[in-house]
Amino acid sequence: MSSPAYSRLKSAWPTVPEERRALQRKRAIVNGVFAVFCAMAFVLVVVPLADILWTVFERGFNALSWSLFTQVTNGISGGLLNAIEGTLVLSGGAILFAAPIGVAAGIYLAEYGQGPWGKTARFLADVLVGVPSIVLGYFSYVTLVIGLGWQFSALAGAITLAVLIVPYVTRFTELAMRQNPSSLREAAYALGCKEHQVVFRVLLPAARSAVVTGILLSLAISVGETAPLIYTAGWSNYVWNGQLTHEPIGYLTYVIWSFINQPFASAHALAYAAAFLVIAMVLAINVAARILMRVRTGQ
């Protein structure tokens, strides 16, 4: 004769698989709804981006010609030699200023950034990332263009871009240095290395690929900037003559910003060609950065 407890357990046993199946159906419905929302979000992001890239590449590629790379801009026609050269000068100058400062600051934050000074520097770097670039451009206009009397110039534009990308280089360097295993540091100390030797001969070379990746990504950011350069670099239809101050300089993003509003086909062609070149530069820099990161991680 069965006990009451056994009878209750036997009566409850068939409901267990049913509850499990109901729970599985509920989970499947929730997962399906979540997957639909993820797909919709993906479409909302990718479709406009693909449309922009297709429009720019189609119209920009059709506007490319040999004269675009050999002639300077003549009003709203001509080529983009002055703008291409100016973009390279401004972005290259920005990296020359920002890379040493950003890498040094990143090393400091990674090695000695646990105290109040390090926390303050990290906080200020994060704040600087969020400052609109046009604010930096206006500040440089007041201090460099007007205050120091440099006028529109390559040096004022390069310094402004450097201030803009320094926090990116800093944080990338800090993260790269923190990814080094502690055993690497301990082995260097065990061999009798001094602290500066550990940092510059062991830890920094180990993080070199990630640091260079951060510098390249920061370079890509500087290539696509317009607002700070309007206040500092101005615009010039001529090739840069090597003068750092008192001489404006051309750049590709100005062509995009200004020429697209002109009611002329030649101006639109130059604007789309400039947009094509900017996107091509940014993509090339990002591909190079990803290749370096894959080399570092061994994937």
Protein backbone atom coordinates (compact mmCIF):
# COMPACT_ATOMS: atom_id res chain seq x y z
CA MET A 1 0.00 0.00 0.00
CA SER A 2 1.50 3.36 -1.02
CA SER A 3 2.09 6.14 1.45
CA PRO A 4 0.37 9.55 1.14
CA ALA A 5 3.71 11.20 0.34
CA TYR A 6 4.32 8.77 -2.51
CA SER A 7 0.83 9.41 -3.87
CA ARG A 8 1.38 13.16 -3.89
CA LEU A 9 4.75 12.77 -5.61
CA LYS A 10 3.23 10.47 -8.22
CA SER A 11 0.39 12.88 -8.92
CA ALA A 12 2.80 15.80 -9.31
CA TRP A 13 5.26 13.94 -11.57
CA PRO A 14 3.42 14.38 -14.89
CA THR A 15 3.26 18.16 -14.42
CA VAL A 16 7.03 18.54 -14.25
CA PRO A 17 7.69 17.96 -18.00
CA GLU A 18 4.73 20.17 -18.86
CA GLU A 19 6.09 23.05 -16.76
CA ARG A 20 9.48 22.57 -18.33
CA ARG A 21 8.00 22.67 -21.83
CA ALA A 22 6.04 25.82 -20.94
CA LEU A 23 9.22 27.44 -19.64
CA GLN A 24 11.07 26.48 -22.80
CA ARG A 25 8.30 27.94 -24.98
CA LYS A 26 8.43 31.19 -22.98
CA ARG A 27 12.20 31.37 -23.38
CA ALA A 28 11.91 30.70 -27.11
CA ILE A 29 9.36 33.51 -27.50
CA VAL A 30 11.52 35.95 -25.53
CA ASN A 31 14.64 34.97 -27.51
CA GLY A 32 12.75 35.37 -30.77
CA VAL A 33 11.48 38.84 -29.85
CA PHE A 34 14.98 39.87 -28.74
CA ALA A 35 16.48 38.53 -31.98
CA VAL A 36 13.94 40.52 -34.00
CA PHE A 37 14.82 43.72 -32.12
CA CYS A 38 18.56 43.05 -32.65
CA ALA A 39 17.97 42.50 -36.37
CA MET A 40 15.95 45.73 -36.60
CA ALA A 41 18.69 47.65 -34.79
CA PHE A 42 21.29 46.15 -37.12
CA VAL A 43 19.27 47.18 -40.18
CA LEU A 44 18.75 50.71 -38.81
CA VAL A 45 22.52 51.08 -38.43
CA VAL A 46 23.80 49.29 -41.51
CA VAL A 47 21.32 50.43 -44.16
CA PRO A 48 21.91 54.21 -43.75
CA LEU A 49 25.66 53.62 -43.50
CA ALA A 50 25.65 51.44 -46.61
CA ASP A 51 23.57 54.05 -48.46
CA ILE A 52 26.01 56.83 -47.50
CA LEU A 53 29.04 54.77 -48.50
CA TRP A 54 27.45 53.70 -51.78
CA THR A 55 26.49 57.28 -52.67
CA VAL A 56 29.91 58.67 -51.80
CA PHE A 57 31.85 55.90 -53.50
CA GLU A 58 29.71 55.92 -56.63
CA ARG A 59 29.71 59.68 -57.18
CA GLY A 60 33.19 60.19 -55.79
CA PHE A 61 34.75 57.44 -57.90
CA ASN A 62 33.12 58.82 -61.03
CA ALA A 63 34.57 62.24 -60.22
CA LEU A 64 38.14 60.92 -59.91
CA SER A 65 40.60 61.89 -62.60
CA TRP A 66 44.33 62.36 -63.01
CA SER A 67 43.97 66.15 -62.91
CA LEU A 68 42.38 65.83 -59.48
CA PHE A 69 45.78 64.82 -58.07
CA THR A 70 47.93 67.15 -60.19
CA GLN A 71 46.03 70.46 -60.18
CA VAL A 72 45.13 72.84 -57.39
CA THR A 73 41.63 74.08 -56.73
CA ASN A 74 40.61 76.96 -58.95
CA GLY A 75 37.52 78.54 -57.43
CA ILE A 76 34.94 75.75 -57.60
CA SER A 77 36.75 73.71 -60.21
CA GLY A 78 40.22 72.35 -60.87
CA GLY A 79 41.83 69.64 -58.75
CA LEU A 80 42.45 68.76 -55.11
CA LEU A 81 46.24 68.71 -54.95
CA ASN A 82 46.34 71.54 -52.41
CA ALA A 83 43.60 69.94 -50.27
CA ILE A 84 45.21 66.48 -50.30
CA GLU A 85 48.61 67.88 -49.39
CA GLY A 86 47.10 70.09 -46.69
CA THR A 87 45.24 67.14 -45.11
CA LEU A 88 48.45 65.14 -44.97
CA VAL A 89 50.37 68.07 -43.48
CA LEU A 90 47.76 68.86 -40.83
CA SER A 91 47.13 65.25 -39.77
CA GLY A 92 50.82 64.38 -39.90
CA GLY A 93 51.70 67.43 -37.83
CA ALA A 94 48.96 66.57 -35.33
CA ILE A 95 50.39 63.08 -34.86
CA LEU A 96 53.90 64.47 -34.43
CA PHE A 97 52.63 66.61 -31.56
CA ALA A 98 50.12 64.18 -30.06
CA ALA A 99 51.95 60.84 -30.23
CA PRO A 100 54.87 61.62 -27.85
CA ILE A 101 52.64 63.46 -25.38
CA GLY A 102 49.87 60.86 -25.50
CA VAL A 103 52.20 57.87 -25.21
CA ALA A 104 54.07 59.47 -22.28
CA ALA A 105 50.79 60.27 -20.54
CA GLY A 106 49.49 56.74 -21.15
CA ILE A 107 52.65 55.23 -19.67
CA TYR A 108 52.31 57.46 -16.62
CA LEU A 109 48.66 56.49 -16.10
CA ALA A 110 49.43 52.79 -16.51
CA GLU A 111 52.45 52.75 -14.22
CA TYR A 112 51.80 55.50 -11.67
CA GLY A 113 48.19 56.47 -12.23
CA GLN A 114 46.73 55.07 -9.02
CA GLY A 115 47.19 58.26 -6.99
CA PRO A 116 45.21 61.51 -7.06
CA TRP A 117 47.30 62.99 -9.88
CA GLY A 118 46.68 59.97 -12.07
CA LYS A 119 42.95 59.99 -11.37
CA THR A 120 42.82 63.70 -12.15
CA ALA A 121 44.72 63.25 -15.42
CA ARG A 122 42.45 60.35 -16.42
CA PHE A 123 39.35 62.40 -15.60
CA LEU A 124 40.58 65.39 -17.62
CA ALA A 125 41.39 63.12 -20.57
CA ASP A 126 37.87 61.73 -20.50
CA VAL A 127 36.42 65.24 -20.31
CA LEU A 128 38.57 66.40 -23.24
CA VAL A 129 37.23 63.52 -25.35
CA GLY A 130 33.71 64.86 -24.83
CA VAL A 131 34.50 68.49 -25.68
CA PRO A 132 33.04 69.42 -29.10
CA SER A 133 35.74 69.93 -31.68
CA ILE A 134 34.33 73.30 -32.70
CA VAL A 135 34.92 74.53 -29.13
CA LEU A 136 38.58 73.54 -29.43
CA GLY A 137 38.71 75.33 -32.76
CA TYR A 138 37.28 78.52 -31.31
CA PHE A 139 39.68 78.33 -28.34
CA SER A 140 42.63 77.94 -30.72
CA TYR A 141 41.31 80.80 -32.81
CA VAL A 142 41.33 83.08 -29.76
CA THR A 143 44.70 81.92 -28.42
CA LEU A 144 46.76 81.02 -31.49
CA VAL A 145 45.27 82.80 -34.49
CA ILE A 146 44.44 86.07 -32.71
CA GLY A 147 46.34 85.97 -29.40
CA LEU A 148 49.74 84.90 -30.75
CA GLY A 149 49.12 86.51 -34.12
CA TRP A 150 49.75 83.36 -36.15
CA GLN A 151 46.70 84.00 -38.35
CA PHE A 152 45.24 81.06 -40.26
CA SER A 153 48.12 78.61 -40.54
CA ALA A 154 49.21 74.99 -40.68
CA LEU A 155 50.77 75.14 -37.22
CA ALA A 156 47.59 76.41 -35.56
CA GLY A 157 45.54 73.70 -37.27
CA ALA A 158 47.99 70.92 -36.41
CA ILE A 159 48.18 71.94 -32.74
CA THR A 160 44.39 72.05 -32.51
CA LEU A 161 44.08 68.57 -34.00
CA ALA A 162 46.80 67.36 -31.65
CA VAL A 163 44.86 68.62 -28.63
CA LEU A 164 41.82 66.85 -30.01
CA ILE A 165 43.46 63.42 -30.37
CA VAL A 166 45.87 63.43 -27.40
CA PRO A 167 43.32 61.85 -25.03
CA TYR A 168 42.68 59.02 -27.51
CA VAL A 169 46.38 58.23 -27.79
CA THR A 170 46.66 58.43 -23.99
CA ARG A 171 43.87 55.98 -23.24
CA PHE A 172 44.93 53.55 -25.96
CA THR A 173 48.47 53.55 -24.59
CA GLU A 174 47.27 53.07 -21.02
CA LEU A 175 45.09 50.10 -21.99
CA ALA A 176 47.90 48.58 -24.05
CA MET A 177 50.39 48.87 -21.17
CA ARG A 178 47.91 47.35 -18.70
CA GLN A 179 47.48 44.32 -20.93
CA ASN A 180 51.09 43.28 -20.38
CA PRO A 181 51.26 40.30 -17.99
CA SER A 182 52.74 40.95 -14.56
CA SER A 183 55.19 38.08 -15.11
CA LEU A 184 56.89 40.16 -17.82
CA ARG A 185 57.60 42.93 -15.33
CA GLU A 186 58.73 40.48 -12.64
CA ALA A 187 61.12 38.77 -15.04
CA ALA A 188 62.67 42.11 -16.00
CA TYR A 189 63.16 43.07 -12.34
CA ALA A 190 64.63 39.63 -11.65
CA LEU A 191 67.26 40.25 -14.32
CA GLY A 192 68.30 43.45 -12.54
CA CYS A 193 66.66 46.00 -14.84
CA LYS A 194 65.97 49.45 -13.48
CA GLU A 195 62.48 50.89 -13.56
CA HIS A 196 62.96 53.01 -16.67
CA GLN A 197 64.52 50.02 -18.44
CA VAL A 198 61.54 47.86 -17.54
CA VAL A 199 59.14 50.43 -18.96
CA PHE A 200 60.96 51.46 -22.14
CA ARG A 201 62.82 48.27 -23.04
CA VAL A 202 60.38 45.57 -21.93
CA LEU A 203 56.82 46.76 -21.37
CA LEU A 204 56.52 49.39 -24.11
CA PRO A 205 58.01 47.17 -26.85
CA ALA A 206 55.62 44.39 -25.79
CA ALA A 207 52.68 46.77 -26.22
CA ARG A 208 54.07 48.42 -29.36
CA SER A 209 51.46 47.05 -31.79
CA ALA A 210 48.53 48.16 -29.63
CA VAL A 211 50.08 51.59 -29.09
CA VAL A 212 50.65 52.06 -32.83
CA THR A 213 47.07 50.92 -33.42
CA GLY A 214 45.83 53.65 -31.08
CA ILE A 215 47.96 56.23 -32.87
CA LEU A 216 46.58 55.15 -36.25
CA LEU A 217 42.98 55.31 -35.05
CA SER A 218 43.66 58.78 -33.66
CA LEU A 219 45.11 59.74 -37.04
CA ALA A 220 41.88 58.58 -38.68
CA ILE A 221 39.91 60.86 -36.35
CA SER A 222 42.06 63.85 -37.28
CA VAL A 223 41.64 63.20 -41.01
CA GLY A 224 37.87 63.60 -40.79
CA GLU A 225 37.75 66.80 -38.73
CA THR A 226 36.45 70.05 -40.17
CA ALA A 227 35.16 72.40 -37.46
CA PRO A 228 38.46 73.08 -35.64
CA LEU A 229 40.28 73.70 -38.92
CA ILE A 230 37.79 76.31 -40.12
CA TYR A 231 38.88 78.51 -37.20
CA THR A 232 42.59 77.74 -37.38
CA ALA A 233 43.74 76.63 -40.85
CA GLY A 234 41.39 78.70 -43.00
CA TRP A 235 41.53 77.72 -46.65
CA SER A 236 43.95 78.15 -49.50
CA ASN A 237 43.72 77.37 -53.21
CA TYR A 238 47.49 77.00 -53.39
CA VAL A 239 49.94 74.27 -52.48
CA TRP A 240 51.47 74.66 -49.03
CA ASN A 241 54.75 76.56 -49.27
CA GLY A 242 56.26 75.19 -46.04
CA GLN A 243 55.47 78.26 -43.92
CA LEU A 244 54.09 77.25 -40.51
CA THR A 245 52.39 80.51 -39.58
CA HIS A 246 50.75 83.48 -41.35
CA GLU A 247 49.75 81.27 -44.26
CA PRO A 248 46.41 79.41 -44.63
CA ILE A 249 46.32 75.88 -45.93
CA GLY A 250 43.76 73.75 -47.78
CA TYR A 251 42.26 70.44 -46.62
CA LEU A 252 39.76 67.94 -47.97
CA THR A 253 37.00 68.32 -45.40
CA TYR A 254 36.67 72.02 -46.23
CA VAL A 255 35.90 71.06 -49.82
CA ILE A 256 33.16 68.71 -48.61
CA TRP A 257 31.67 71.26 -46.23
CA SER A 258 31.80 74.25 -48.57
CA PHE A 259 31.51 73.01 -52.14
CA ILE A 260 28.48 70.76 -51.66
CA ASN A 261 26.36 73.88 -51.04
CA GLN A 262 27.34 75.45 -54.35
CA PRO A 263 24.83 75.27 -57.23
CA PHE A 264 27.43 74.04 -59.72
CA ALA A 265 28.16 70.53 -60.98
CA SER A 266 31.92 71.07 -60.84
CA ALA A 267 31.72 71.99 -57.15
CA HIS A 268 29.60 68.92 -56.38
CA ALA A 269 32.08 66.71 -58.24
CA LEU A 270 34.96 68.06 -56.16
CA ALA A 271 32.96 67.63 -52.95
CA TYR A 272 32.16 63.98 -53.68
CA ALA A 273 35.72 63.31 -54.80
CA ALA A 274 37.02 64.82 -51.56
CA ALA A 275 34.54 62.74 -49.54
CA PHE A 276 35.68 59.62 -51.39
CA LEU A 277 39.33 60.37 -50.61
CA VAL A 278 38.61 61.06 -46.93
CA ILE A 279 36.67 57.83 -46.51
CA ALA A 280 39.36 55.91 -48.39
CA MET A 281 42.03 57.33 -46.07
CA VAL A 282 40.02 56.49 -42.95
CA LEU A 283 39.31 52.96 -44.18
CA ALA A 284 42.95 52.39 -45.06
CA ILE A 285 44.07 53.59 -41.63
CA ASN A 286 41.50 51.40 -39.86
CA VAL A 287 42.49 48.34 -41.92
CA ALA A 288 46.14 48.96 -41.05
CA ALA A 289 45.22 49.28 -37.36
CA ARG A 290 43.27 46.01 -37.39
CA ILE A 291 46.13 44.21 -39.14
CA LEU A 292 48.53 45.40 -36.45
CA MET A 293 46.14 44.27 -33.73
CA ARG A 294 45.80 40.84 -35.31
CA VAL A 295 49.56 40.56 -35.54
CA ARG A 296 49.85 41.43 -31.85
CA THR A 297 47.18 38.97 -30.72
CA GLY A 298 48.41 36.27 -33.09
CA GLN A 299 44.98 35.68 -34.62
